[in-house]
Amino acid sequence: MPKKSISYPKVCKRYDSLYYIDFKLNNKRIRMFSGKKIGSSTNPYTFTLKFRRIESINLAKVVYYYLVSYNYRFTKRPKNKLEF
């Protein structure tokens, strides 16, 4: 894999019925249960059991586009003088 790479997140279900997304970012495995790490309010556990998988799929999409936009990092890059 190239130096900066990401695999599209997969929605998985644990043995105790918790949904999470699983992906590789720069050859490190990452599991996320909510969007707290990217500053998103997306949390599948605020929904009923019927809609948790659907919300986990939405979380996967949000996380993927966030990481692609911010150069494969969880922290936002600082703005330079031109962007101000």
N, C-alpha and C. Protein backbone atom coordinates (compact mmCIF):
# COMPACT_ATOMS: atom_id res chain seq x y z
N MET A 1 0.84 -1.18 0.00
CA MET A 1 0.00 0.00 0.00
C MET A 1 0.89 1.25 0.00
N PRO A 2 0.42 2.33 -0.60
CA PRO A 2 1.20 3.57 -0.57
C PRO A 2 1.37 4.09 0.85
N LYS A 3 2.24 5.10 0.98
CA LYS A 3 2.53 5.64 2.31
C LYS A 3 1.28 6.14 3.02
N LYS A 4 0.45 6.90 2.31
CA LYS A 4 -0.81 7.38 2.88
C LYS A 4 -1.95 6.66 2.17
N SER A 5 -2.64 5.82 2.90
CA SER A 5 -3.72 5.06 2.28
C SER A 5 -4.81 4.78 3.30
N ILE A 6 -5.98 4.49 2.76
CA ILE A 6 -7.12 4.17 3.61
C ILE A 6 -7.98 3.15 2.88
N SER A 7 -8.50 2.20 3.61
CA SER A 7 -9.46 1.27 3.04
C SER A 7 -10.85 1.76 3.44
N TYR A 8 -11.83 1.50 2.59
CA TYR A 8 -13.18 1.97 2.91
C TYR A 8 -13.69 1.21 4.14
N PRO A 9 -14.27 1.91 5.11
CA PRO A 9 -14.71 1.26 6.35
C PRO A 9 -15.81 0.21 6.12
N LYS A 10 -15.67 -0.90 6.82
CA LYS A 10 -16.68 -1.96 6.80
C LYS A 10 -17.50 -1.88 8.08
N VAL A 11 -18.77 -2.10 7.98
CA VAL A 11 -19.64 -2.13 9.16
C VAL A 11 -19.63 -3.56 9.70
N CYS A 12 -19.29 -3.69 10.97
CA CYS A 12 -19.21 -5.01 11.61
C CYS A 12 -20.09 -5.01 12.86
N LYS A 13 -20.43 -6.22 13.29
CA LYS A 13 -21.26 -6.39 14.48
C LYS A 13 -20.54 -7.31 15.44
N ARG A 14 -20.38 -6.86 16.68
CA ARG A 14 -19.71 -7.67 17.70
C ARG A 14 -20.66 -8.74 18.23
N TYR A 15 -20.10 -9.62 19.03
CA TYR A 15 -20.89 -10.72 19.61
C TYR A 15 -21.99 -10.21 20.54
N ASP A 16 -21.81 -9.03 21.10
CA ASP A 16 -22.83 -8.47 22.00
C ASP A 16 -23.71 -7.43 21.30
N SER A 17 -23.82 -7.53 19.98
CA SER A 17 -24.71 -6.73 19.13
C SER A 17 -24.35 -5.25 19.03
N LEU A 18 -23.09 -4.91 19.27
CA LEU A 18 -22.64 -3.54 19.07
C LEU A 18 -22.08 -3.41 17.66
N TYR A 19 -22.51 -2.37 16.95
CA TYR A 19 -22.01 -2.11 15.61
C TYR A 19 -20.80 -1.19 15.69
N TYR A 20 -19.84 -1.41 14.81
CA TYR A 20 -18.68 -0.55 14.71
C TYR A 20 -18.20 -0.57 13.28
N ILE A 21 -17.33 0.41 12.94
CA ILE A 21 -16.72 0.40 11.61
C ILE A 21 -15.26 0.04 11.77
N ASP A 22 -14.76 -0.69 10.82
CA ASP A 22 -13.40 -1.22 10.86
C ASP A 22 -12.71 -0.86 9.55
N PHE A 23 -11.53 -0.22 9.64
CA PHE A 23 -10.79 0.14 8.44
C PHE A 23 -9.31 0.24 8.75
N LYS A 24 -8.50 0.29 7.71
CA LYS A 24 -7.06 0.46 7.86
C LYS A 24 -6.68 1.84 7.37
N LEU A 25 -5.94 2.55 8.19
CA LEU A 25 -5.43 3.87 7.86
C LEU A 25 -3.92 3.84 8.02
N ASN A 26 -3.20 3.98 6.91
CA ASN A 26 -1.74 3.91 6.91
C ASN A 26 -1.23 2.63 7.58
N ASN A 27 -1.82 1.52 7.20
CA ASN A 27 -1.46 0.18 7.67
C ASN A 27 -1.73 -0.04 9.16
N LYS A 28 -2.60 0.74 9.77
CA LYS A 28 -3.01 0.52 11.16
C LYS A 28 -4.51 0.26 11.18
N ARG A 29 -4.91 -0.75 11.91
CA ARG A 29 -6.33 -1.08 12.01
C ARG A 29 -7.00 -0.16 13.01
N ILE A 30 -8.13 0.39 12.60
CA ILE A 30 -8.87 1.32 13.46
C ILE A 30 -10.31 0.86 13.52
N ARG A 31 -10.86 0.84 14.74
CA ARG A 31 -12.26 0.53 14.96
C ARG A 31 -12.90 1.73 15.63
N MET A 32 -14.02 2.16 15.10
CA MET A 32 -14.73 3.31 15.67
C MET A 32 -16.18 2.93 15.95
N PHE A 33 -16.65 3.31 17.12
CA PHE A 33 -18.02 3.04 17.52
C PHE A 33 -18.91 4.27 17.38
N SER A 34 -18.31 5.46 17.29
CA SER A 34 -19.07 6.70 17.10
C SER A 34 -18.19 7.69 16.35
N GLY A 35 -18.74 8.84 16.02
CA GLY A 35 -18.01 9.85 15.28
C GLY A 35 -17.32 10.87 16.17
N LYS A 36 -17.14 10.55 17.43
CA LYS A 36 -16.55 11.49 18.37
C LYS A 36 -15.12 11.89 17.99
N LYS A 37 -14.38 10.98 17.43
CA LYS A 37 -12.98 11.23 17.10
C LYS A 37 -12.82 12.27 15.99
N ILE A 38 -13.81 12.41 15.14
CA ILE A 38 -13.74 13.39 14.06
C ILE A 38 -14.59 14.62 14.36
N GLY A 39 -15.17 14.68 15.53
CA GLY A 39 -15.98 15.83 15.90
C GLY A 39 -17.40 15.78 15.36
N SER A 40 -17.86 14.60 15.01
CA SER A 40 -19.20 14.43 14.47
C SER A 40 -20.15 13.95 15.57
N SER A 41 -21.39 14.30 15.45
CA SER A 41 -22.37 13.85 16.44
C SER A 41 -23.02 12.53 16.03
N THR A 42 -22.48 11.88 15.00
CA THR A 42 -23.04 10.62 14.52
C THR A 42 -22.74 9.52 15.54
N ASN A 43 -23.79 8.96 16.11
CA ASN A 43 -23.64 7.90 17.09
C ASN A 43 -24.77 6.90 16.87
N PRO A 44 -24.45 5.69 16.41
CA PRO A 44 -25.50 4.70 16.12
C PRO A 44 -26.32 4.28 17.34
N TYR A 45 -25.81 4.46 18.55
CA TYR A 45 -26.50 3.96 19.73
C TYR A 45 -27.54 4.91 20.26
N THR A 46 -27.73 6.05 19.59
CA THR A 46 -28.83 6.93 19.96
C THR A 46 -30.10 6.55 19.21
N PHE A 47 -29.99 5.57 18.31
CA PHE A 47 -31.12 5.11 17.51
C PHE A 47 -31.64 3.78 18.04
N THR A 48 -32.81 3.40 17.61
CA THR A 48 -33.37 2.12 18.01
C THR A 48 -32.60 0.98 17.34
N LEU A 49 -32.82 -0.22 17.80
CA LEU A 49 -32.10 -1.38 17.27
C LEU A 49 -32.29 -1.55 15.77
N LYS A 50 -33.45 -1.19 15.29
CA LYS A 50 -33.79 -1.37 13.89
C LYS A 50 -32.92 -0.48 12.98
N PHE A 51 -32.55 0.70 13.45
CA PHE A 51 -31.85 1.67 12.61
C PHE A 51 -30.35 1.78 12.89
N ARG A 52 -29.81 1.00 13.80
CA ARG A 52 -28.39 1.13 14.15
C ARG A 52 -27.46 0.75 13.01
N ARG A 53 -27.79 -0.28 12.26
CA ARG A 53 -26.94 -0.66 11.14
C ARG A 53 -26.93 0.42 10.06
N ILE A 54 -28.08 0.99 9.78
CA ILE A 54 -28.17 2.06 8.78
C ILE A 54 -27.34 3.26 9.22
N GLU A 55 -27.41 3.61 10.49
CA GLU A 55 -26.64 4.74 10.99
C GLU A 55 -25.14 4.42 11.01
N SER A 56 -24.77 3.17 11.21
CA SER A 56 -23.37 2.78 11.14
C SER A 56 -22.84 2.91 9.71
N ILE A 57 -23.66 2.62 8.74
CA ILE A 57 -23.27 2.80 7.34
C ILE A 57 -23.04 4.28 7.04
N ASN A 58 -23.91 5.13 7.58
CA ASN A 58 -23.72 6.58 7.42
C ASN A 58 -22.45 7.05 8.11
N LEU A 59 -22.15 6.49 9.27
CA LEU A 59 -20.92 6.83 9.99
C LEU A 59 -19.69 6.46 9.16
N ALA A 60 -19.73 5.31 8.51
CA ALA A 60 -18.61 4.88 7.67
C ALA A 60 -18.38 5.87 6.54
N LYS A 61 -19.45 6.34 5.94
CA LYS A 61 -19.34 7.30 4.84
C LYS A 61 -18.77 8.62 5.32
N VAL A 62 -19.24 9.11 6.46
CA VAL A 62 -18.78 10.38 7.01
C VAL A 62 -17.30 10.31 7.37
N VAL A 63 -16.89 9.23 8.02
CA VAL A 63 -15.49 9.08 8.43
C VAL A 63 -14.58 8.98 7.21
N TYR A 64 -14.98 8.24 6.21
CA TYR A 64 -14.15 8.09 5.01
C TYR A 64 -13.94 9.43 4.32
N TYR A 65 -14.99 10.18 4.10
CA TYR A 65 -14.85 11.47 3.43
C TYR A 65 -14.09 12.48 4.28
N TYR A 66 -14.23 12.40 5.60
CA TYR A 66 -13.47 13.28 6.49
C TYR A 66 -11.97 13.01 6.35
N LEU A 67 -11.59 11.74 6.39
CA LEU A 67 -10.17 11.40 6.32
C LEU A 67 -9.57 11.73 4.96
N VAL A 68 -10.32 11.55 3.90
CA VAL A 68 -9.81 11.89 2.58
C VAL A 68 -9.64 13.41 2.46
N SER A 69 -10.57 14.19 3.02
CA SER A 69 -10.49 15.65 2.93
C SER A 69 -9.35 16.23 3.76
N TYR A 70 -9.04 15.62 4.89
CA TYR A 70 -8.01 16.16 5.77
C TYR A 70 -6.70 15.38 5.68
N ASN A 71 -6.37 14.92 4.48
CA ASN A 71 -5.06 14.33 4.19
C ASN A 71 -4.77 13.10 5.06
N TYR A 72 -5.77 12.24 5.22
CA TYR A 72 -5.64 10.96 5.93
C TYR A 72 -5.21 11.13 7.39
N ARG A 73 -5.71 12.18 8.04
CA ARG A 73 -5.42 12.42 9.46
C ARG A 73 -6.71 12.73 10.19
N PHE A 74 -6.72 12.45 11.49
CA PHE A 74 -7.88 12.77 12.30
C PHE A 74 -7.87 14.22 12.77
N THR A 75 -6.72 14.87 12.75
CA THR A 75 -6.64 16.27 13.16
C THR A 75 -6.75 17.16 11.95
N LYS A 76 -7.40 18.27 12.11
CA LYS A 76 -7.52 19.21 11.01
C LYS A 76 -6.19 19.94 10.85
N ARG A 77 -5.82 20.18 9.62
CA ARG A 77 -4.57 20.88 9.39
C ARG A 77 -4.77 22.36 9.66
N PRO A 78 -3.73 23.03 10.16
CA PRO A 78 -3.89 24.47 10.42
C PRO A 78 -4.00 25.25 9.12
N LYS A 79 -4.76 26.31 9.16
CA LYS A 79 -4.92 27.15 7.98
C LYS A 79 -3.70 28.05 7.84
N ASN A 80 -3.29 28.27 6.60
CA ASN A 80 -2.21 29.20 6.38
C ASN A 80 -2.76 30.60 6.14
N LYS A 81 -1.89 31.56 5.88
CA LYS A 81 -2.31 32.95 5.74
C LYS A 81 -3.26 33.16 4.57
N LEU A 82 -3.07 32.42 3.48
CA LEU A 82 -3.94 32.59 2.33
C LEU A 82 -5.37 32.14 2.61
N GLU A 83 -5.53 31.11 3.40
CA GLU A 83 -6.87 30.60 3.70
C GLU A 83 -7.63 31.51 4.66
N PHE A 84 -6.91 32.29 5.47
CA PHE A 84 -7.59 33.23 6.34
C PHE A 84 -8.17 34.35 5.52
